[in-house]
């Protein structure tokens, strides 16, 4: 493996490894992986009280973001983290105006990384917006959004991470300051009135048609030419993919959608038009 010598590169690599809890093999457990959930639940149930419930980190699962980690601050694998870093750094290098936002942050990992990038490059004039209900996902409004009719994300208590816990996660990295602003509530309520004038990177992780469409409707018009849209759920949640294509079709957006991994995609807004 090539040795890193750039301090910024070393710092951001360490942040990503910490966010994924992959610094030490076996440190994290996969509490809610789509595969092997029942087996791990039984192990937890039957294990002595003083035995810590964990399993060795699976390199491929972490790289692809296929698991729901017990301790890590993000479900994103390294491919999506690297893509996010690349988009933010490119926006900075190309002087694309605007702030950075994620809609649907869970434990805050992606937004912590964005704030770390600003810190590494000593950028003082941009804000990281952290938008979430901090109470899980809404019940589907099947009447208005038929694509969400059978969505059950709202039943998963582990998806509800409090504002205070996300703020504490930022604090642990020494990154909770005035360049981080929180938008608490359902996107339909918070995003229309958010005091955001321009955006350079938009990262969508709303898991539903409604959440994805609310974010696009309210944020895409503020995306500067040359800015990036990243959609975490495109490959995993058909309703999210449908919202992306509906919005793009309605607004004549033809910028190429590029794949990141099994679920994540992104595109760059054309410098002119789009």
C-alpha atoms as a PDB file:
ATOM      1  CA  UNK A   1       0.000   0.000   0.000  1.00  0.00           C
ATOM      2  CA  UNK A   2       1.302   3.427  -0.928  1.00  0.00           C
ATOM      3  CA  UNK A   3       2.250   5.583   2.057  1.00  0.00           C
ATOM      4  CA  UNK A   4       0.351   8.856   2.274  1.00  0.00           C
ATOM      5  CA  UNK A   5       2.448  11.965   2.784  1.00  0.00           C
ATOM      6  CA  UNK A   6      -0.057  14.801   2.338  1.00  0.00           C
ATOM      7  CA  UNK A   7      -1.310  15.827   5.816  1.00  0.00           C
ATOM      8  CA  UNK A   8      -4.792  16.604   4.436  1.00  0.00           C
ATOM      9  CA  UNK A   9      -4.980  13.180   2.807  1.00  0.00           C
ATOM     10  CA  UNK A  10      -3.805  11.466   5.979  1.00  0.00           C
ATOM     11  CA  UNK A  11      -6.321  13.355   8.126  1.00  0.00           C
ATOM     12  CA  UNK A  12      -9.301  12.681   5.872  1.00  0.00           C
ATOM     13  CA  UNK A  13      -8.364   9.026   5.490  1.00  0.00           C
ATOM     14  CA  UNK A  14      -8.270   8.697   9.258  1.00  0.00           C
ATOM     15  CA  UNK A  15     -11.650  10.428   9.572  1.00  0.00           C
ATOM     16  CA  UNK A  16     -13.226   8.012   7.070  1.00  0.00           C
ATOM     17  CA  UNK A  17     -11.760   4.986   8.834  1.00  0.00           C
ATOM     18  CA  UNK A  18     -13.039   6.302  12.149  1.00  0.00           C
ATOM     19  CA  UNK A  19     -16.510   7.085  10.791  1.00  0.00           C
ATOM     20  CA  UNK A  20     -16.816   3.519   9.512  1.00  0.00           C
ATOM     21  CA  UNK A  21     -15.297   2.077  12.705  1.00  0.00           C
ATOM     22  CA  UNK A  22     -12.872   0.089  10.551  1.00  0.00           C
ATOM     23  CA  UNK A  23      -9.590   0.987  12.251  1.00  0.00           C
ATOM     24  CA  UNK A  24      -9.640  -2.179  14.332  1.00  0.00           C
ATOM     25  CA  UNK A  25     -10.853  -5.509  12.986  1.00  0.00           C
ATOM     26  CA  UNK A  26     -13.733  -6.834  15.040  1.00  0.00           C
ATOM     27  CA  UNK A  27     -14.408  -3.499  16.741  1.00  0.00           C
ATOM     28  CA  UNK A  28     -17.792  -2.899  15.170  1.00  0.00           C
ATOM     29  CA  UNK A  29     -20.784  -5.196  15.030  1.00  0.00           C
ATOM     30  CA  UNK A  30     -23.380  -5.328  12.295  1.00  0.00           C
ATOM     31  CA  UNK A  31     -26.567  -5.136  14.282  1.00  0.00           C
ATOM     32  CA  UNK A  32     -29.071  -4.862  11.459  1.00  0.00           C
ATOM     33  CA  UNK A  33     -27.460  -6.332   8.358  1.00  0.00           C
ATOM     34  CA  UNK A  34     -29.996  -7.609   5.825  1.00  0.00           C
ATOM     35  CA  UNK A  35     -28.023 -10.853   5.960  1.00  0.00           C
ATOM     36  CA  UNK A  36     -27.565 -12.865   9.111  1.00  0.00           C
ATOM     37  CA  UNK A  37     -29.818 -10.708  11.300  1.00  0.00           C
ATOM     38  CA  UNK A  38     -31.586 -13.620  12.981  1.00  0.00           C
ATOM     39  CA  UNK A  39     -28.346 -15.423  13.765  1.00  0.00           C
ATOM     40  CA  UNK A  40     -26.836 -12.347  15.416  1.00  0.00           C
ATOM     41  CA  UNK A  41     -30.048 -11.620  17.307  1.00  0.00           C
ATOM     42  CA  UNK A  42     -29.977 -15.135  18.742  1.00  0.00           C
ATOM     43  CA  UNK A  43     -26.306 -14.771  19.659  1.00  0.00           C
ATOM     44  CA  UNK A  44     -27.092 -11.582  21.515  1.00  0.00           C
ATOM     45  CA  UNK A  45     -30.047 -13.170  23.269  1.00  0.00           C
ATOM     46  CA  UNK A  46     -28.102 -16.242  24.377  1.00  0.00           C
ATOM     47  CA  UNK A  47     -24.740 -14.660  25.145  1.00  0.00           C
ATOM     48  CA  UNK A  48     -23.747 -14.007  28.779  1.00  0.00           C
ATOM     49  CA  UNK A  49     -24.439 -10.474  29.941  1.00  0.00           C
ATOM     50  CA  UNK A  50     -20.745  -9.605  30.173  1.00  0.00           C
ATOM     51  CA  UNK A  51     -19.984 -10.647  26.571  1.00  0.00           C
ATOM     52  CA  UNK A  52     -19.913  -7.750  24.147  1.00  0.00           C
ATOM     53  CA  UNK A  53     -22.033  -8.365  21.060  1.00  0.00           C
ATOM     54  CA  UNK A  54     -19.901  -7.815  17.993  1.00  0.00           C
ATOM     55  CA  UNK A  55     -18.524  -9.607  14.987  1.00  0.00           C
ATOM     56  CA  UNK A  56     -15.415  -9.086  12.863  1.00  0.00           C
ATOM     57  CA  UNK A  57     -15.802  -6.273  10.372  1.00  0.00           C
ATOM     58  CA  UNK A  58     -16.448  -7.666   6.897  1.00  0.00           C
ATOM     59  CA  UNK A  59     -14.217  -5.734   4.512  1.00  0.00           C
ATOM     60  CA  UNK A  60     -16.458  -6.165   1.467  1.00  0.00           C
ATOM     61  CA  UNK A  61     -19.634  -5.278   3.364  1.00  0.00           C
ATOM     62  CA  UNK A  62     -18.038  -2.120   4.751  1.00  0.00           C
ATOM     63  CA  UNK A  63     -16.542  -1.103   1.394  1.00  0.00           C
ATOM     64  CA  UNK A  64     -19.910  -1.400  -0.307  1.00  0.00           C
ATOM     65  CA  UNK A  65     -21.993  -0.145   2.620  1.00  0.00           C
ATOM     66  CA  UNK A  66     -24.051  -3.337   2.767  1.00  0.00           C
ATOM     67  CA  UNK A  67     -24.458  -3.462   6.542  1.00  0.00           C
ATOM     68  CA  UNK A  68     -26.105  -1.430   9.275  1.00  0.00           C
ATOM     69  CA  UNK A  69     -23.196  -0.959  11.711  1.00  0.00           C
ATOM     70  CA  UNK A  70     -23.625  -1.108  15.441  1.00  0.00           C
ATOM     71  CA  UNK A  71     -21.020   1.506  16.382  1.00  0.00           C
ATOM     72  CA  UNK A  72     -19.993   3.417  13.255  1.00  0.00           C
ATOM     73  CA  UNK A  73     -21.315   6.901  12.559  1.00  0.00           C
ATOM     74  CA  UNK A  74     -22.274   6.032   8.973  1.00  0.00           C
ATOM     75  CA  UNK A  75     -23.797   3.212   6.952  1.00  0.00           C
ATOM     76  CA  UNK A  76     -21.899   4.445   3.891  1.00  0.00           C
ATOM     77  CA  UNK A  77     -19.120   2.252   2.626  1.00  0.00           C
ATOM     78  CA  UNK A  78     -15.740   3.578   1.528  1.00  0.00           C
ATOM     79  CA  UNK A  79     -16.834   3.956  -2.096  1.00  0.00           C
ATOM     80  CA  UNK A  80     -19.578   6.424  -1.194  1.00  0.00           C
ATOM     81  CA  UNK A  81     -17.360   8.223   1.297  1.00  0.00           C
ATOM     82  CA  UNK A  82     -14.629   8.570  -1.333  1.00  0.00           C
ATOM     83  CA  UNK A  83     -17.184   9.869  -3.828  1.00  0.00           C
ATOM     84  CA  UNK A  84     -18.470  12.441  -1.356  1.00  0.00           C
ATOM     85  CA  UNK A  85     -14.942  13.616  -0.650  1.00  0.00           C
ATOM     86  CA  UNK A  86     -14.218  13.839  -4.377  1.00  0.00           C
ATOM     87  CA  UNK A  87     -17.342  15.899  -5.074  1.00  0.00           C
ATOM     88  CA  UNK A  88     -16.680  18.328  -2.224  1.00  0.00           C
ATOM     89  CA  UNK A  89     -13.010  18.735  -3.143  1.00  0.00           C
ATOM     90  CA  UNK A  90     -13.865  19.254  -6.815  1.00  0.00           C
ATOM     91  CA  UNK A  91     -16.453  21.884  -5.914  1.00  0.00           C
ATOM     92  CA  UNK A  92     -13.866  23.697  -3.802  1.00  0.00           C
ATOM     93  CA  UNK A  93     -11.140  23.433  -6.442  1.00  0.00           C
ATOM     94  CA  UNK A  94     -13.483  24.724  -9.164  1.00  0.00           C
ATOM     95  CA  UNK A  95     -14.782  27.473  -6.872  1.00  0.00           C
ATOM     96  CA  UNK A  96     -18.384  26.355  -7.243  1.00  0.00           C
ATOM     97  CA  UNK A  97     -20.284  28.742  -4.959  1.00  0.00           C
ATOM     98  CA  UNK A  98     -22.511  27.565  -2.144  1.00  0.00           C
ATOM     99  CA  UNK A  99     -22.814  25.437   0.953  1.00  0.00           C
ATOM    100  CA  UNK A 100     -23.078  21.666   1.425  1.00  0.00           C
ATOM    101  CA  UNK A 101     -26.090  19.707   2.658  1.00  0.00           C
ATOM    102  CA  UNK A 102     -27.222  16.179   3.427  1.00  0.00           C
ATOM    103  CA  UNK A 103     -30.897  15.368   3.807  1.00  0.00           C
ATOM    104  CA  UNK A 104     -31.224  12.316   6.036  1.00  0.00           C
ATOM    105  CA  UNK A 105     -28.079  12.052   8.154  1.00  0.00           C
ATOM    106  CA  UNK A 106     -28.613   9.135  10.586  1.00  0.00           C
ATOM    107  CA  UNK A 107     -25.630   9.472  12.982  1.00  0.00           C
ATOM    108  CA  UNK A 108     -24.098  12.313  10.976  1.00  0.00           C
ATOM    109  CA  UNK A 109     -21.186  10.536   9.296  1.00  0.00           C
ATOM    110  CA  UNK A 110     -21.427  12.131   5.841  1.00  0.00           C
ATOM    111  CA  UNK A 111     -21.854  15.637   7.211  1.00  0.00           C
ATOM    112  CA  UNK A 112     -18.984  15.109   9.646  1.00  0.00           C
ATOM    113  CA  UNK A 113     -16.790  14.174   6.682  1.00  0.00           C
ATOM    114  CA  UNK A 114     -17.893  17.292   4.774  1.00  0.00           C
ATOM    115  CA  UNK A 115     -17.039  19.469   7.765  1.00  0.00           C
ATOM    116  CA  UNK A 116     -13.682  17.683   8.080  1.00  0.00           C
ATOM    117  CA  UNK A 117     -12.916  18.503   4.449  1.00  0.00           C
ATOM    118  CA  UNK A 118     -13.601  22.192   5.070  1.00  0.00           C
ATOM    119  CA  UNK A 119     -11.329  21.988   8.097  1.00  0.00           C
ATOM    120  CA  UNK A 120      -8.558  20.260   6.142  1.00  0.00           C
ATOM    121  CA  UNK A 121      -8.622  22.942   3.453  1.00  0.00           C
ATOM    122  CA  UNK A 122      -9.128  25.778   5.961  1.00  0.00           C
ATOM    123  CA  UNK A 123     -12.367  26.888   4.288  1.00  0.00           C
ATOM    124  CA  UNK A 124     -14.112  29.350   6.586  1.00  0.00           C
ATOM    125  CA  UNK A 125     -16.872  30.797   4.414  1.00  0.00           C
ATOM    126  CA  UNK A 126     -19.090  27.766   3.788  1.00  0.00           C
ATOM    127  CA  UNK A 127     -21.670  25.967   5.910  1.00  0.00           C
ATOM    128  CA  UNK A 128     -22.545  22.303   6.342  1.00  0.00           C
ATOM    129  CA  UNK A 129     -26.327  21.858   6.626  1.00  0.00           C
ATOM    130  CA  UNK A 130     -27.497  18.795   8.563  1.00  0.00           C
ATOM    131  CA  UNK A 131     -31.148  18.108   7.694  1.00  0.00           C
ATOM    132  CA  UNK A 132     -33.083  15.360   9.450  1.00  0.00           C
ATOM    133  CA  UNK A 133     -36.161  14.770  11.562  1.00  0.00           C
ATOM    134  CA  UNK A 134     -33.841  13.250  14.186  1.00  0.00           C
ATOM    135  CA  UNK A 135     -36.832  11.053  14.970  1.00  0.00           C
ATOM    136  CA  UNK A 136     -36.780   8.476  12.175  1.00  0.00           C
ATOM    137  CA  UNK A 137     -38.774   8.459   8.957  1.00  0.00           C
ATOM    138  CA  UNK A 138     -42.371   9.581   8.395  1.00  0.00           C
ATOM    139  CA  UNK A 139     -45.279   7.248   7.804  1.00  0.00           C
ATOM    140  CA  UNK A 140     -45.939   6.987   4.075  1.00  0.00           C
ATOM    141  CA  UNK A 141     -48.548   9.278   2.540  1.00  0.00           C
ATOM    142  CA  UNK A 142     -49.785   6.733   0.021  1.00  0.00           C
ATOM    143  CA  UNK A 143     -52.530   9.005  -1.250  1.00  0.00           C
ATOM    144  CA  UNK A 144     -50.095  11.696  -2.358  1.00  0.00           C
ATOM    145  CA  UNK A 145     -47.111   9.439  -3.050  1.00  0.00           C
ATOM    146  CA  UNK A 146     -48.274   5.981  -4.219  1.00  0.00           C
ATOM    147  CA  UNK A 147     -44.659   4.847  -4.638  1.00  0.00           C
ATOM    148  CA  UNK A 148     -44.308   4.950  -0.832  1.00  0.00           C
ATOM    149  CA  UNK A 149     -47.443   2.888  -0.166  1.00  0.00           C
ATOM    150  CA  UNK A 150     -45.655  -0.131   1.288  1.00  0.00           C
ATOM    151  CA  UNK A 151     -42.695   1.696   2.796  1.00  0.00           C
ATOM    152  CA  UNK A 152     -41.950   0.564   6.342  1.00  0.00           C
ATOM    153  CA  UNK A 153     -38.842   2.600   7.202  1.00  0.00           C
ATOM    154  CA  UNK A 154     -40.847   4.393   9.896  1.00  0.00           C
ATOM    155  CA  UNK A 155     -41.040   1.154  11.879  1.00  0.00           C
ATOM    156  CA  UNK A 156     -37.255   0.915  12.347  1.00  0.00           C
ATOM    157  CA  UNK A 157     -36.431   2.522  15.681  1.00  0.00           C
ATOM    158  CA  UNK A 158     -32.695   2.249  14.977  1.00  0.00           C
ATOM    159  CA  UNK A 159     -33.067   4.866  12.230  1.00  0.00           C
ATOM    160  CA  UNK A 160     -34.128   7.485  14.785  1.00  0.00           C
ATOM    161  CA  UNK A 161     -30.991   9.228  16.082  1.00  0.00           C
ATOM    162  CA  UNK A 162     -31.529  12.314  18.218  1.00  0.00           C
ATOM    163  CA  UNK A 163     -30.239  15.776  17.386  1.00  0.00           C
ATOM    164  CA  UNK A 164     -28.223  15.711  20.604  1.00  0.00           C
ATOM    165  CA  UNK A 165     -26.491  12.462  19.623  1.00  0.00           C
ATOM    166  CA  UNK A 166     -25.572  13.760  16.168  1.00  0.00           C
ATOM    167  CA  UNK A 167     -24.229  16.962  17.724  1.00  0.00           C
ATOM    168  CA  UNK A 168     -22.207  14.867  20.163  1.00  0.00           C
ATOM    169  CA  UNK A 169     -20.759  12.881  17.248  1.00  0.00           C
ATOM    170  CA  UNK A 170     -19.601  16.143  15.644  1.00  0.00           C
ATOM    171  CA  UNK A 171     -18.128  17.204  18.984  1.00  0.00           C
ATOM    172  CA  UNK A 172     -16.127  13.979  19.279  1.00  0.00           C
ATOM    173  CA  UNK A 173     -14.312  14.896  16.067  1.00  0.00           C
ATOM    174  CA  UNK A 174     -13.762  18.468  17.220  1.00  0.00           C
ATOM    175  CA  UNK A 175     -15.987  19.713  14.391  1.00  0.00           C
ATOM    176  CA  UNK A 176     -19.074  21.136  16.088  1.00  0.00           C
ATOM    177  CA  UNK A 177     -18.926  24.865  15.436  1.00  0.00           C
ATOM    178  CA  UNK A 178     -20.681  27.736  13.698  1.00  0.00           C
ATOM    179  CA  UNK A 179     -20.058  26.236  10.256  1.00  0.00           C
ATOM    180  CA  UNK A 180     -22.468  23.398  11.077  1.00  0.00           C
ATOM    181  CA  UNK A 181     -26.184  24.176  11.089  1.00  0.00           C
ATOM    182  CA  UNK A 182     -29.019  21.793  11.845  1.00  0.00           C
ATOM    183  CA  UNK A 183     -32.450  21.657  10.203  1.00  0.00           C
ATOM    184  CA  UNK A 184     -34.697  19.586  12.471  1.00  0.00           C
ATOM    185  CA  UNK A 185     -38.044  18.313  11.212  1.00  0.00           C
ATOM    186  CA  UNK A 186     -39.716  16.743   8.193  1.00  0.00           C
ATOM    187  CA  UNK A 187     -38.208  17.965   4.929  1.00  0.00           C
ATOM    188  CA  UNK A 188     -41.558  19.277   3.718  1.00  0.00           C
ATOM    189  CA  UNK A 189     -41.538  21.666   6.699  1.00  0.00           C
ATOM    190  CA  UNK A 190     -37.874  22.639   7.031  1.00  0.00           C
ATOM    191  CA  UNK A 191     -36.450  22.809   3.520  1.00  0.00           C
ATOM    192  CA  UNK A 192     -38.814  25.388   1.973  1.00  0.00           C
ATOM    193  CA  UNK A 193     -37.888  27.948   4.638  1.00  0.00           C
ATOM    194  CA  UNK A 194     -34.235  27.009   5.089  1.00  0.00           C
ATOM    195  CA  UNK A 195     -32.017  30.125   4.898  1.00  0.00           C
ATOM    196  CA  UNK A 196     -29.821  28.655   2.163  1.00  0.00           C
ATOM    197  CA  UNK A 197     -28.952  30.845  -0.810  1.00  0.00           C
ATOM    198  CA  UNK A 198     -26.678  28.541  -2.835  1.00  0.00           C
ATOM    199  CA  UNK A 199     -25.427  24.960  -2.701  1.00  0.00           C
ATOM    200  CA  UNK A 200     -22.349  23.291  -4.159  1.00  0.00           C
ATOM    201  CA  UNK A 201     -23.130  19.696  -3.116  1.00  0.00           C
ATOM    202  CA  UNK A 202     -26.482  18.120  -2.282  1.00  0.00           C
ATOM    203  CA  UNK A 203     -26.503  14.624  -0.803  1.00  0.00           C
ATOM    204  CA  UNK A 204     -29.888  12.912  -0.601  1.00  0.00           C
ATOM    205  CA  UNK A 205     -30.482  10.008   1.788  1.00  0.00           C
ATOM    206  CA  UNK A 206     -34.202  10.145   2.471  1.00  0.00           C
ATOM    207  CA  UNK A 207     -35.080   6.493   1.713  1.00  0.00           C
ATOM    208  CA  UNK A 208     -38.522   7.397   0.302  1.00  0.00           C
ATOM    209  CA  UNK A 209     -40.130   9.002  -2.763  1.00  0.00           C
ATOM    210  CA  UNK A 210     -41.575  11.817  -0.657  1.00  0.00           C
ATOM    211  CA  UNK A 211     -38.311  12.632   1.111  1.00  0.00           C
ATOM    212  CA  UNK A 212     -36.302  12.501  -2.112  1.00  0.00           C
ATOM    213  CA  UNK A 213     -38.774  14.661  -4.020  1.00  0.00           C
ATOM    214  CA  UNK A 214     -39.083  17.202  -1.186  1.00  0.00           C
ATOM    215  CA  UNK A 215     -35.309  17.617  -1.184  1.00  0.00           C
ATOM    216  CA  UNK A 216     -35.034  17.970  -4.962  1.00  0.00           C
ATOM    217  CA  UNK A 217     -37.918  20.429  -5.247  1.00  0.00           C
ATOM    218  CA  UNK A 218     -36.558  22.699  -2.532  1.00  0.00           C
ATOM    219  CA  UNK A 219     -32.804  22.357  -3.011  1.00  0.00           C
ATOM    220  CA  UNK A 220     -32.000  21.664  -6.659  1.00  0.00           C
ATOM    221  CA  UNK A 221     -32.959  25.192  -7.796  1.00  0.00           C
ATOM    222  CA  UNK A 222     -30.271  26.448  -5.374  1.00  0.00           C
ATOM    223  CA  UNK A 223     -27.555  24.166  -6.773  1.00  0.00           C
ATOM    224  CA  UNK A 224     -24.910  26.244  -8.515  1.00  0.00           C
ATOM    225  CA  UNK A 225     -23.745  25.307 -12.019  1.00  0.00           C
ATOM    226  CA  UNK A 226     -20.919  22.817 -11.613  1.00  0.00           C
ATOM    227  CA  UNK A 227     -22.398  21.552  -8.341  1.00  0.00           C
ATOM    228  CA  UNK A 228     -23.115  17.909  -7.521  1.00  0.00           C
ATOM    229  CA  UNK A 229     -26.178  15.863  -6.591  1.00  0.00           C
ATOM    230  CA  UNK A 230     -25.525  12.566  -4.801  1.00  0.00           C
ATOM    231  CA  UNK A 231     -28.363  10.069  -4.205  1.00  0.00           C
ATOM    232  CA  UNK A 232     -27.605   7.380  -1.651  1.00  0.00           C
ATOM    233  CA  UNK A 233     -30.763   5.269  -2.104  1.00  0.00           C
ATOM    234  CA  UNK A 234     -31.001   5.176  -5.896  1.00  0.00           C
ATOM    235  CA  UNK A 235     -30.164   1.476  -6.234  1.00  0.00           C
ATOM    236  CA  UNK A 236     -31.603   0.265  -2.930  1.00  0.00           C
ATOM    237  CA  UNK A 237     -35.008   1.979  -2.869  1.00  0.00           C
ATOM    238  CA  UNK A 238     -37.047   1.931  -6.100  1.00  0.00           C
ATOM    239  CA  UNK A 239     -39.241   4.777  -4.844  1.00  0.00           C
ATOM    240  CA  UNK A 240     -36.210   7.031  -4.405  1.00  0.00           C
ATOM    241  CA  UNK A 241     -35.033   6.207  -7.925  1.00  0.00           C
ATOM    242  CA  UNK A 242     -38.501   6.966  -9.268  1.00  0.00           C
ATOM    243  CA  UNK A 243     -38.486  10.375  -7.570  1.00  0.00           C
ATOM    244  CA  UNK A 244     -35.114  11.201  -9.132  1.00  0.00           C
ATOM    245  CA  UNK A 245     -36.294  10.331 -12.620  1.00  0.00           C
ATOM    246  CA  UNK A 246     -39.638  12.099 -12.190  1.00  0.00           C
ATOM    247  CA  UNK A 247     -37.931  15.302 -11.096  1.00  0.00           C
ATOM    248  CA  UNK A 248     -35.306  15.158 -13.834  1.00  0.00           C
ATOM    249  CA  UNK A 249     -37.956  14.543 -16.483  1.00  0.00           C
ATOM    250  CA  UNK A 250     -40.161  17.373 -15.208  1.00  0.00           C
ATOM    251  CA  UNK A 251     -37.249  19.827 -15.332  1.00  0.00           C
ATOM    252  CA  UNK A 252     -35.476  18.604 -18.447  1.00  0.00           C
ATOM    253  CA  UNK A 253     -32.311  17.565 -16.622  1.00  0.00           C
ATOM    254  CA  UNK A 254     -30.109  15.426 -18.854  1.00  0.00           C
ATOM    255  CA  UNK A 255     -26.808  15.476 -16.958  1.00  0.00           C
ATOM    256  CA  UNK A 256     -25.347  11.968 -16.910  1.00  0.00           C
ATOM    257  CA  UNK A 257     -26.115   9.861 -13.850  1.00  0.00           C
ATOM    258  CA  UNK A 258     -22.958   8.060 -12.759  1.00  0.00           C
ATOM    259  CA  UNK A 259     -22.861   5.003 -10.528  1.00  0.00           C
ATOM    260  CA  UNK A 260     -20.805   4.967  -7.318  1.00  0.00           C
ATOM    261  CA  UNK A 261     -21.513   1.473  -5.998  1.00  0.00           C
ATOM    262  CA  UNK A 262     -24.472  -0.903  -5.767  1.00  0.00           C
ATOM    263  CA  UNK A 263     -26.857   1.851  -4.598  1.00  0.00           C
ATOM    264  CA  UNK A 264     -25.264   5.310  -4.762  1.00  0.00           C
ATOM    265  CA  UNK A 265     -25.250   7.541  -7.855  1.00  0.00           C
ATOM    266  CA  UNK A 266     -24.378  11.156  -8.612  1.00  0.00           C
ATOM    267  CA  UNK A 267     -24.434  13.727 -11.351  1.00  0.00           C
ATOM    268  CA  UNK A 268     -22.883  17.123 -11.918  1.00  0.00           C
ATOM    269  CA  UNK A 269     -25.049  20.051 -12.907  1.00  0.00           C
ATOM    270  CA  UNK A 270     -24.028  21.450 -16.251  1.00  0.00           C
ATOM    271  CA  UNK A 271     -21.971  24.615 -16.083  1.00  0.00           C
ATOM    272  CA  UNK A 272     -24.645  26.258 -18.247  1.00  0.00           C
ATOM    273  CA  UNK A 273     -28.272  25.221 -18.193  1.00  0.00           C
ATOM    274  CA  UNK A 274     -29.422  21.864 -16.840  1.00  0.00           C
END
